[in-house]
């Protein structure tokens, strides 16, 4: 499905990053992985040891990761913008503006920079796929997590606008919006091992379970493929019916 396509996955150590990289690669893509931790040789080596099938970059910023991937693979076909920031529980009256600013930097400013870098490589090619990994939270609302939901909602809006702008260049832009997906970024193992807490969480999901990162990754792979060439400007929840 993706044979020979060049791809970059950002922040691969978080959220659905590893699953996305592995599924894209399984479908034939040439994948490069970015994570801010990879500037440290020991962290990079540990990741490679755990994931010997994945190729990593030593780029510090997501923009640099996009540029390095395009240089190594003679172009860029797919950019998976897998940004991450902790979902801080901060009720109104307790949430601080500084926390909000940090969240917006990670969930809106960084995706903007990454998408801009990807567009610079894709426009001359006359094709490309930009896939934002966001969240279903802003589609449904999440009490006590307004900062996180606002940041993800901004990224959803960014994806919609960029999609309309880049359509003339035959670049499809979509957002995959997960929630209630097993990921240590948001659901630590200790939490999932707590049967009472897990039951409370899954009771909110119409399908009655948490999703798997690989299920999100398969949606990403579809949107990265030629099979989705007439799909752009969509926010697609992968949340078991919650949103």
Protein backbone atom coordinates (compact mmCIF):
# COMPACT_ATOMS: atom_id res chain seq x y z
CA UNK A 1 0.00 0.00 0.00
CA UNK A 2 2.89 2.38 0.73
CA UNK A 3 5.72 0.71 -1.16
CA UNK A 4 8.70 3.05 -1.53
CA UNK A 5 6.97 6.05 0.07
CA UNK A 6 9.17 8.23 2.28
CA UNK A 7 7.77 9.02 5.71
CA UNK A 8 8.67 10.75 8.95
CA UNK A 9 6.99 10.15 12.32
CA UNK A 10 7.62 12.79 14.97
CA UNK A 11 7.77 12.27 18.74
CA UNK A 12 7.87 8.54 18.09
CA UNK A 13 8.36 7.59 21.74
CA UNK A 14 4.98 9.09 22.68
CA UNK A 15 1.30 8.51 22.03
CA UNK A 16 0.89 6.27 18.93
CA UNK A 17 4.32 6.99 17.46
CA UNK A 18 5.92 3.54 17.56
CA UNK A 19 2.77 1.83 16.29
CA UNK A 20 2.47 4.35 13.47
CA UNK A 21 6.09 3.90 12.41
CA UNK A 22 5.85 0.10 12.46
CA UNK A 23 2.55 -0.07 10.60
CA UNK A 24 3.71 2.38 7.92
CA UNK A 25 6.86 0.32 7.50
CA UNK A 26 4.87 -2.92 7.37
CA UNK A 27 2.91 -1.43 4.47
CA UNK A 28 6.16 -0.73 2.60
CA UNK A 29 7.05 2.85 3.55
CA UNK A 30 10.62 4.00 4.17
CA UNK A 31 10.23 5.45 7.66
CA UNK A 32 12.40 7.79 9.69
CA UNK A 33 11.66 8.37 13.37
CA UNK A 34 12.15 11.56 15.36
CA UNK A 35 12.10 12.06 19.10
CA UNK A 36 13.63 14.89 21.08
CA UNK A 37 15.35 12.29 23.28
CA UNK A 38 17.37 11.01 20.32
CA UNK A 39 19.84 13.89 20.56
CA UNK A 40 21.19 11.89 23.50
CA UNK A 41 23.25 9.01 22.09
CA UNK A 42 22.36 6.66 24.96
CA UNK A 43 18.61 7.25 24.57
CA UNK A 44 18.88 6.79 20.83
CA UNK A 45 20.83 3.57 21.27
CA UNK A 46 18.31 2.23 23.79
CA UNK A 47 15.42 2.91 21.40
CA UNK A 48 17.20 1.19 18.52
CA UNK A 49 17.93 -1.78 20.77
CA UNK A 50 14.24 -2.10 21.60
CA UNK A 51 13.11 -1.35 18.03
CA UNK A 52 15.84 -2.63 15.72
CA UNK A 53 13.59 -2.46 12.68
CA UNK A 54 13.12 1.33 12.92
CA UNK A 55 15.51 3.98 11.59
CA UNK A 56 16.00 7.01 13.83
CA UNK A 57 17.09 10.61 13.33
CA UNK A 58 19.20 12.71 15.68
CA UNK A 59 17.24 15.88 14.88
CA UNK A 60 16.24 17.96 17.90
CA UNK A 61 13.27 19.75 16.31
CA UNK A 62 10.46 18.33 14.25
CA UNK A 63 11.30 20.78 11.45
CA UNK A 64 14.85 19.42 11.32
CA UNK A 65 13.46 15.87 11.31
CA UNK A 66 11.36 16.68 8.25
CA UNK A 67 14.35 18.21 6.47
CA UNK A 68 16.64 15.28 7.36
CA UNK A 69 14.10 12.74 6.15
CA UNK A 70 13.66 14.55 2.83
CA UNK A 71 17.44 14.75 2.40
CA UNK A 72 18.01 11.06 3.21
CA UNK A 73 15.13 9.74 1.11
CA UNK A 74 15.20 12.25 -1.77
CA UNK A 75 11.87 13.78 -0.91
CA UNK A 76 9.02 13.46 1.54
CA UNK A 77 5.72 11.74 0.83
CA UNK A 78 4.24 11.35 4.32
CA UNK A 79 4.50 13.44 7.48
CA UNK A 80 2.90 11.99 10.61
CA UNK A 81 2.77 14.84 13.13
CA UNK A 82 2.48 12.92 16.37
CA UNK A 83 2.79 15.72 18.92
CA UNK A 84 2.51 15.16 22.63
CA UNK A 85 1.87 17.11 25.81
CA UNK A 86 0.62 15.74 29.15
CA UNK A 87 -3.11 16.00 29.72
CA UNK A 88 -2.86 18.10 32.86
CA UNK A 89 -5.86 17.91 35.16
CA UNK A 90 -6.39 21.58 35.99
CA UNK A 91 -9.89 22.80 36.92
CA UNK A 92 -10.75 26.38 36.04
CA UNK A 93 -9.47 28.60 38.82
CA UNK A 94 -6.44 26.36 39.29
CA UNK A 95 -5.11 26.16 35.74
CA UNK A 96 -2.29 28.63 35.11
CA UNK A 97 -1.61 30.70 32.03
CA UNK A 98 1.97 29.41 31.94
CA UNK A 99 0.77 25.81 31.76
CA UNK A 100 -1.65 26.82 29.02
CA UNK A 101 1.12 28.50 27.02
CA UNK A 102 3.33 25.42 27.27
CA UNK A 103 0.49 23.24 26.06
CA UNK A 104 -0.23 25.51 23.10
CA UNK A 105 3.45 25.54 22.19
CA UNK A 106 3.58 21.75 22.08
CA UNK A 107 0.15 21.07 20.58
CA UNK A 108 -0.27 23.99 18.18
CA UNK A 109 2.98 25.85 17.49
CA UNK A 110 5.10 22.72 16.96
CA UNK A 111 2.54 21.09 14.60
CA UNK A 112 2.40 24.35 12.64
CA UNK A 113 6.19 24.35 12.22
CA UNK A 114 6.23 20.68 11.24
CA UNK A 115 3.47 21.07 8.67
CA UNK A 116 5.15 24.16 7.23
CA UNK A 117 8.40 22.25 6.78
CA UNK A 118 6.57 19.33 5.17
CA UNK A 119 4.75 21.64 2.77
CA UNK A 120 8.03 23.13 1.57
CA UNK A 121 9.17 19.67 0.46
CA UNK A 122 5.84 18.43 -0.87
CA UNK A 123 4.79 21.43 -2.96
CA UNK A 124 7.55 21.00 -5.59
CA UNK A 125 6.62 17.31 -5.88
CA UNK A 126 2.96 18.15 -6.46
CA UNK A 127 1.83 15.55 -3.93
CA UNK A 128 2.03 14.55 -0.28
CA UNK A 129 0.19 13.43 2.83
CA UNK A 130 0.20 15.36 6.11
CA UNK A 131 -1.46 13.57 9.02
CA UNK A 132 -1.92 15.31 12.35
CA UNK A 133 -2.38 13.02 15.35
CA UNK A 134 -4.58 15.08 17.66
CA UNK A 135 -7.38 14.02 20.01
CA UNK A 136 -11.12 13.48 20.10
CA UNK A 137 -11.26 15.44 23.37
CA UNK A 138 -12.15 18.81 21.76
CA UNK A 139 -14.91 17.16 19.73
CA UNK A 140 -16.66 16.03 22.90
CA UNK A 141 -15.37 18.33 25.65
CA UNK A 142 -13.40 17.21 28.67
CA UNK A 143 -14.11 18.81 32.06
CA UNK A 144 -11.00 19.75 34.06
CA UNK A 145 -8.81 19.35 30.97
CA UNK A 146 -9.68 22.54 29.12
CA UNK A 147 -6.03 23.40 28.37
CA UNK A 148 -5.35 20.06 26.71
CA UNK A 149 -8.64 20.04 24.81
CA UNK A 150 -8.07 23.62 23.60
CA UNK A 151 -4.58 22.80 22.32
CA UNK A 152 -5.80 19.73 20.47
CA UNK A 153 -8.80 21.65 19.16
CA UNK A 154 -6.46 24.28 17.75
CA UNK A 155 -4.48 21.57 15.96
CA UNK A 156 -7.73 20.20 14.49
CA UNK A 157 -8.57 23.67 13.19
CA UNK A 158 -5.05 24.01 11.83
CA UNK A 159 -5.44 20.74 9.92
CA UNK A 160 -8.73 21.88 8.36
CA UNK A 161 -7.31 25.20 7.19
CA UNK A 162 -4.02 23.77 5.92
CA UNK A 163 -5.97 21.12 4.01
CA UNK A 164 -7.87 23.73 2.05
CA UNK A 165 -4.71 25.71 1.39
CA UNK A 166 -2.61 22.80 0.17
CA UNK A 167 -5.32 21.06 -1.84
CA UNK A 168 -4.25 23.04 -4.93
CA UNK A 169 -0.83 21.39 -4.58
CA UNK A 170 -2.37 17.90 -4.41
CA UNK A 171 -1.37 17.55 -0.76
CA UNK A 172 -3.96 15.84 1.42
CA UNK A 173 -4.11 16.94 5.05
CA UNK A 174 -6.17 15.17 7.70
CA UNK A 175 -6.28 14.74 11.47
CA UNK A 176 -6.63 11.42 13.25
CA UNK A 177 -8.23 12.14 16.62
CA UNK A 178 -7.85 9.26 19.10
CA UNK A 179 -9.12 8.95 22.64
CA UNK A 180 -9.27 6.08 25.11
CA UNK A 181 -6.37 4.39 23.34
CA UNK A 182 -3.84 2.33 25.28
CA UNK A 183 -0.71 4.45 25.45
CA UNK A 184 1.62 5.04 28.34
CA UNK A 185 1.67 8.70 27.36
CA UNK A 186 -1.86 9.01 28.76
CA UNK A 187 -2.69 5.65 30.36
CA UNK A 188 0.28 4.38 32.45
CA UNK A 189 0.55 0.65 33.07
CA UNK A 190 -0.25 1.11 36.76
CA UNK A 191 -3.55 2.76 35.83
CA UNK A 192 -4.47 0.02 33.38
CA UNK A 193 -3.65 -2.61 36.01
CA UNK A 194 -6.24 -1.07 38.33
CA UNK A 195 -9.38 -3.04 37.42
CA UNK A 196 -11.72 -0.56 39.09
CA UNK A 197 -10.17 2.44 37.31
CA UNK A 198 -10.13 0.58 33.98
CA UNK A 199 -13.78 -0.40 34.36
CA UNK A 200 -14.71 3.22 35.09
CA UNK A 201 -12.86 4.43 31.99
CA UNK A 202 -14.22 1.84 29.60
CA UNK A 203 -17.77 2.43 30.83
CA UNK A 204 -17.59 5.78 29.03
CA UNK A 205 -16.68 4.17 25.70
CA UNK A 206 -19.64 2.82 23.71
CA UNK A 207 -17.56 -0.10 22.40
CA UNK A 208 -16.69 -0.96 26.00
CA UNK A 209 -12.91 -1.17 25.73
CA UNK A 210 -9.76 0.82 25.14
CA UNK A 211 -8.40 1.03 21.63
CA UNK A 212 -5.02 -0.30 20.52
CA UNK A 213 -2.32 2.02 19.11
CA UNK A 214 -2.18 -0.26 16.07
CA UNK A 215 -5.83 0.52 15.30
CA UNK A 216 -4.99 4.22 15.16
CA UNK A 217 -1.89 3.42 13.11
CA UNK A 218 -3.91 1.56 10.47
CA UNK A 219 -6.07 4.66 10.00
CA UNK A 220 -2.90 6.72 9.62
CA UNK A 221 -1.58 4.25 7.04
CA UNK A 222 -4.81 4.47 5.03
CA UNK A 223 -4.67 8.27 5.02
CA UNK A 224 -1.01 8.06 3.98
CA UNK A 225 -1.82 5.87 1.00
CA UNK A 226 -3.02 6.61 -2.52
CA UNK A 227 -6.37 5.10 -1.51
CA UNK A 228 -7.20 8.33 0.32
CA UNK A 229 -6.35 10.75 -2.50
CA UNK A 230 -9.88 12.22 -2.49
CA UNK A 231 -10.00 12.65 1.29
CA UNK A 232 -8.72 15.87 2.80
CA UNK A 233 -9.70 18.30 5.53
CA UNK A 234 -11.16 15.61 7.80
CA UNK A 235 -10.95 15.10 11.55
CA UNK A 236 -11.45 11.39 12.09
CA UNK A 237 -12.12 10.21 15.66
CA UNK A 238 -10.70 6.84 16.66
CA UNK A 239 -12.40 6.66 20.02
CA UNK A 240 -14.73 3.68 20.16
CA UNK A 241 -17.83 5.81 19.61
CA UNK A 242 -17.03 8.26 22.42
CA UNK A 243 -16.86 11.11 19.91
